[in-house]
């Protein structure tokens, strides 16, 4: 009887351990996938929603639905991108907090480069990325100039930081480009030329960097590269601003 009671008492614990092990295996399988399809579709959906609002509001020339530039409806559509992105950010934050709790409950072992998402980090890092996106749209700088060093500071591996920031830049620059097109501020020929040169340079840079890291086994070169780009960008942006001010460039109406 005592043995039976002991076995009965042990059964729930064994069942719980088995559930935890299965949960841990599920989490590891999800994070081991090279392509996170649902995340890509999620980012794409947000991008399409924001771009739809931008295109519908139109620019200084015309709007597909007849919105007059500078009207109350125009500014309402302009502000509509904010609640869209905030709602998406809130949903992602809840998911990351829940995932972090699940990992802690099943004893998930974090490795070098993993990020521990909790109530604080899900506010801190997205807020910094939001500021990076704001400046990318305002001044035309690459959001990766901020996001790359940020992710390195978070403890993410340099290779992963560069790949992730490049993916995010695709969406931020796409949004900025479409906005400039709508406002008529981007000459098509100039944009196509710079896009082609930038794409070719990026591919060449990736191949050279990958080969260098593979031969020397020094991922730290990525960090040095980010630092050089940051310094060069700061110098060029300062020079460009000085030249613009001296030429008399200033604020003007969006319409």
Protein backbone atom coordinates (compact mmCIF):
# COMPACT_ATOMS: atom_id res chain seq x y z
CA UNK A 1 0.00 0.00 0.00
CA UNK A 2 2.82 2.36 0.87
CA UNK A 3 4.52 1.61 -2.45
CA UNK A 4 1.28 2.20 -4.34
CA UNK A 5 0.75 5.51 -2.53
CA UNK A 6 4.31 6.57 -3.32
CA UNK A 7 3.83 5.64 -6.97
CA UNK A 8 0.56 7.55 -7.11
CA UNK A 9 2.20 10.60 -5.56
CA UNK A 10 5.09 10.38 -8.00
CA UNK A 11 2.85 10.11 -11.06
CA UNK A 12 1.73 13.78 -11.20
CA UNK A 13 5.33 14.97 -10.81
CA UNK A 14 6.48 12.72 -13.65
CA UNK A 15 3.62 13.94 -15.81
CA UNK A 16 4.55 17.55 -15.08
CA UNK A 17 8.18 16.89 -15.92
CA UNK A 18 7.14 15.30 -19.20
CA UNK A 19 4.98 18.29 -20.08
CA UNK A 20 7.85 20.66 -19.30
CA UNK A 21 10.20 18.62 -21.45
CA UNK A 22 7.75 18.64 -24.36
CA UNK A 23 7.23 22.39 -23.97
CA UNK A 24 11.00 22.94 -23.95
CA UNK A 25 11.42 20.86 -27.11
CA UNK A 26 8.65 22.81 -28.83
CA UNK A 27 10.30 26.13 -27.97
CA UNK A 28 13.68 24.90 -29.20
CA UNK A 29 12.18 23.66 -32.48
CA UNK A 30 10.42 26.97 -33.06
CA UNK A 31 13.56 29.01 -32.47
CA UNK A 32 15.76 26.67 -34.50
CA UNK A 33 13.90 27.46 -37.72
CA UNK A 34 16.00 29.42 -40.19
CA UNK A 35 12.96 31.20 -41.62
CA UNK A 36 10.32 32.49 -39.22
CA UNK A 37 7.48 32.67 -41.75
CA UNK A 38 4.80 34.01 -39.45
CA UNK A 39 7.06 36.85 -38.30
CA UNK A 40 7.88 37.87 -41.87
CA UNK A 41 4.19 37.87 -42.79
CA UNK A 42 3.42 39.90 -39.65
CA UNK A 43 5.99 42.58 -40.49
CA UNK A 44 4.77 42.57 -44.09
CA UNK A 45 1.16 43.09 -42.99
CA UNK A 46 2.13 46.09 -40.85
CA UNK A 47 4.18 47.51 -43.72
CA UNK A 48 1.27 47.15 -46.15
CA UNK A 49 -1.16 48.77 -43.70
CA UNK A 50 1.09 51.79 -43.11
CA UNK A 51 1.83 52.17 -46.81
CA UNK A 52 -1.87 51.95 -47.67
CA UNK A 53 -2.61 54.86 -45.33
CA UNK A 54 0.32 56.85 -46.79
CA UNK A 55 -0.80 56.32 -50.38
CA UNK A 56 -4.47 57.04 -49.65
CA UNK A 57 -3.70 60.38 -47.99
CA UNK A 58 -1.70 61.44 -51.04
CA UNK A 59 0.74 64.30 -51.22
CA UNK A 60 0.93 67.79 -52.61
CA UNK A 61 -0.47 66.75 -56.01
CA UNK A 62 -3.44 64.42 -55.48
CA UNK A 63 -4.95 61.66 -53.37
CA UNK A 64 -6.57 58.49 -54.80
CA UNK A 65 -9.65 59.14 -52.64
CA UNK A 66 -9.72 62.92 -53.01
CA UNK A 67 -8.10 63.98 -49.74
CA UNK A 68 -6.88 67.59 -49.89
CA UNK A 69 -3.32 68.13 -48.71
CA UNK A 70 -3.28 70.05 -45.43
CA UNK A 71 -6.92 69.31 -44.56
CA UNK A 72 -8.11 67.77 -41.31
CA UNK A 73 -8.65 64.42 -43.07
CA UNK A 74 -5.13 64.58 -44.44
CA UNK A 75 -3.60 64.95 -40.97
CA UNK A 76 -5.93 62.25 -39.61
CA UNK A 77 -4.61 59.80 -42.18
CA UNK A 78 -1.06 60.95 -41.43
CA UNK A 79 -1.53 60.17 -37.73
CA UNK A 80 -3.24 56.83 -38.47
CA UNK A 81 0.13 55.11 -38.83
CA UNK A 82 0.82 55.69 -35.13
CA UNK A 83 -2.03 53.56 -33.68
CA UNK A 84 -1.36 50.86 -36.28
CA UNK A 85 2.24 50.47 -35.21
CA UNK A 86 1.43 50.86 -31.50
CA UNK A 87 -1.19 48.09 -31.64
CA UNK A 88 1.23 45.81 -33.46
CA UNK A 89 3.98 46.63 -30.94
CA UNK A 90 1.66 45.88 -28.02
CA UNK A 91 0.68 42.51 -29.51
CA UNK A 92 4.32 41.57 -30.11
CA UNK A 93 5.27 42.71 -26.60
CA UNK A 94 2.61 40.48 -25.03
CA UNK A 95 3.84 37.55 -27.12
CA UNK A 96 7.47 38.08 -26.10
CA UNK A 97 6.61 38.41 -22.41
CA UNK A 98 4.57 35.21 -22.53
CA UNK A 99 7.36 33.43 -24.40
CA UNK A 100 9.90 34.61 -21.84
CA UNK A 101 7.70 33.31 -19.00
CA UNK A 102 7.34 29.95 -20.75
CA UNK A 103 11.11 29.71 -21.13
CA UNK A 104 11.68 30.45 -17.47
CA UNK A 105 9.04 27.90 -16.43
CA UNK A 106 10.61 25.03 -18.39
CA UNK A 107 14.22 25.92 -17.57
CA UNK A 108 15.23 27.13 -21.02
CA UNK A 109 19.01 27.60 -21.20
CA UNK A 110 19.99 30.84 -22.89
CA UNK A 111 23.12 30.79 -24.99
CA UNK A 112 25.42 33.59 -26.07
CA UNK A 113 23.51 36.00 -28.27
CA UNK A 114 20.05 35.23 -26.89
CA UNK A 115 17.91 38.08 -25.59
CA UNK A 116 15.92 37.74 -22.37
CA UNK A 117 12.62 39.45 -23.14
CA UNK A 118 10.73 40.75 -20.13
CA UNK A 119 8.43 43.64 -19.19
CA UNK A 120 11.32 46.15 -19.25
CA UNK A 121 13.32 45.07 -22.31
CA UNK A 122 10.13 44.90 -24.42
CA UNK A 123 9.70 48.63 -23.80
CA UNK A 124 13.31 49.82 -23.73
CA UNK A 125 14.62 48.39 -27.01
CA UNK A 126 11.52 48.98 -29.19
CA UNK A 127 11.47 52.59 -27.97
CA UNK A 128 15.05 53.10 -29.11
CA UNK A 129 14.23 51.46 -32.45
CA UNK A 130 11.25 53.79 -32.82
CA UNK A 131 13.54 56.79 -32.39
CA UNK A 132 15.91 55.27 -34.97
CA UNK A 133 13.04 54.87 -37.43
CA UNK A 134 11.92 58.45 -36.79
CA UNK A 135 15.35 59.86 -37.62
CA UNK A 136 15.67 57.53 -40.61
CA UNK A 137 12.48 59.01 -42.03
CA UNK A 138 13.31 62.62 -41.15
CA UNK A 139 16.91 62.78 -42.30
CA UNK A 140 17.20 59.87 -44.72
CA UNK A 141 19.80 58.03 -42.63
CA UNK A 142 19.81 54.27 -42.37
CA UNK A 143 18.05 52.97 -39.29
CA UNK A 144 20.78 50.32 -39.03
CA UNK A 145 23.20 53.04 -37.92
CA UNK A 146 21.32 52.98 -34.61
CA UNK A 147 19.91 49.45 -34.59
CA UNK A 148 23.21 47.68 -35.31
CA UNK A 149 25.10 49.07 -32.29
CA UNK A 150 21.95 48.72 -30.18
CA UNK A 151 21.72 44.99 -30.82
CA UNK A 152 25.43 44.52 -30.19
CA UNK A 153 24.90 46.30 -26.85
CA UNK A 154 22.03 43.87 -26.16
CA UNK A 155 24.52 41.01 -26.40
CA UNK A 156 23.40 39.77 -29.82
CA UNK A 157 26.15 38.25 -31.96
CA UNK A 158 27.56 40.75 -34.49
CA UNK A 159 26.60 38.55 -37.46
CA UNK A 160 23.02 38.29 -36.24
CA UNK A 161 22.88 42.01 -35.45
CA UNK A 162 23.93 42.97 -38.98
CA UNK A 163 21.53 40.50 -40.62
CA UNK A 164 18.61 41.59 -38.43
CA UNK A 165 19.20 45.32 -38.84
CA UNK A 166 19.49 44.85 -42.62
CA UNK A 167 16.12 43.10 -42.67
CA UNK A 168 14.48 45.86 -40.64
CA UNK A 169 16.06 48.54 -42.84
CA UNK A 170 14.33 47.00 -45.86
CA UNK A 171 10.96 47.91 -44.38
CA UNK A 172 11.91 51.30 -42.90
CA UNK A 173 13.59 52.51 -46.09
CA UNK A 174 10.72 51.10 -48.15
CA UNK A 175 8.26 53.13 -46.10
CA UNK A 176 10.39 56.29 -46.37
CA UNK A 177 10.87 55.82 -50.12
CA UNK A 178 7.15 55.45 -50.79
CA UNK A 179 6.44 58.50 -48.64
CA UNK A 180 8.91 60.61 -50.62
CA UNK A 181 7.43 59.32 -53.87
CA UNK A 182 3.94 60.30 -52.75
CA UNK A 183 5.17 63.80 -51.87
CA UNK A 184 6.96 64.07 -55.20
CA UNK A 185 10.30 64.63 -53.50
CA UNK A 186 12.14 61.69 -55.07
CA UNK A 187 13.26 61.79 -58.72
CA UNK A 188 12.69 58.30 -60.10
CA UNK A 189 15.89 58.23 -62.14
CA UNK A 190 18.03 59.32 -59.19
CA UNK A 191 16.33 56.83 -56.87
CA UNK A 192 16.83 53.94 -59.29
CA UNK A 193 20.50 54.82 -59.78
CA UNK A 194 21.25 55.06 -56.06
CA UNK A 195 19.27 51.87 -55.37
CA UNK A 196 21.29 49.92 -57.95
CA UNK A 197 24.62 51.19 -56.65
CA UNK A 198 23.60 50.56 -53.03
CA UNK A 199 22.39 47.03 -53.77
CA UNK A 200 25.59 46.13 -55.63
CA UNK A 201 27.77 47.62 -52.88
CA UNK A 202 25.82 45.79 -50.17
CA UNK A 203 26.22 42.43 -51.94
CA UNK A 204 29.94 43.00 -52.45
CA UNK A 205 30.36 44.10 -48.85
CA UNK A 206 28.58 41.00 -47.57
CA UNK A 207 30.77 38.69 -49.67
CA UNK A 208 34.01 40.40 -48.64
CA UNK A 209 33.04 40.51 -44.96
CA UNK A 210 31.90 36.88 -44.93
CA UNK A 211 35.13 35.76 -46.55
CA UNK A 212 37.25 37.85 -44.17
CA UNK A 213 35.51 36.57 -41.05
CA UNK A 214 35.71 32.98 -42.28
CA UNK A 215 39.46 33.24 -42.86
CA UNK A 216 40.42 35.23 -39.78
CA UNK A 217 37.65 33.97 -37.44
CA UNK A 218 37.20 37.47 -36.02
CA UNK A 219 33.53 38.56 -35.91
CA UNK A 220 34.74 41.70 -34.12
CA UNK A 221 35.54 43.17 -37.54
CA UNK A 222 31.78 43.65 -37.96
CA UNK A 223 31.75 45.89 -34.88
CA UNK A 224 34.72 47.87 -36.23
CA UNK A 225 32.88 48.25 -39.52
CA UNK A 226 29.78 49.58 -37.78
CA UNK A 227 31.94 52.05 -35.85
CA UNK A 228 33.61 53.34 -39.02
CA UNK A 229 30.26 53.76 -40.77
CA UNK A 230 28.87 55.63 -37.76
CA UNK A 231 31.82 58.00 -37.69
CA UNK A 232 31.78 58.61 -41.45
CA UNK A 233 28.01 59.16 -41.44
CA UNK A 234 28.24 61.68 -38.60
CA UNK A 235 30.88 63.68 -40.50
CA UNK A 236 28.96 63.62 -43.80
CA UNK A 237 25.61 64.52 -42.18
CA UNK A 238 27.21 67.44 -40.38
CA UNK A 239 28.83 68.68 -43.58
CA UNK A 240 25.58 68.28 -45.53
CA UNK A 241 23.66 70.26 -42.89
CA UNK A 242 26.19 73.07 -42.93
CA UNK A 243 26.03 73.30 -46.73
CA UNK A 244 22.22 73.31 -46.69
CA UNK A 245 22.09 76.07 -44.09
CA UNK A 246 24.59 78.16 -46.04
CA UNK A 247 22.51 77.69 -49.19
CA UNK A 248 19.47 79.06 -47.39
CA UNK A 249 17.53 75.79 -47.20
CA UNK A 250 14.85 75.88 -44.52
CA UNK A 251 11.40 74.72 -43.52
CA UNK A 252 8.64 74.68 -46.10
CA UNK A 253 5.03 73.58 -46.37
CA UNK A 254 4.34 69.88 -46.99
CA UNK A 255 1.82 70.93 -49.62
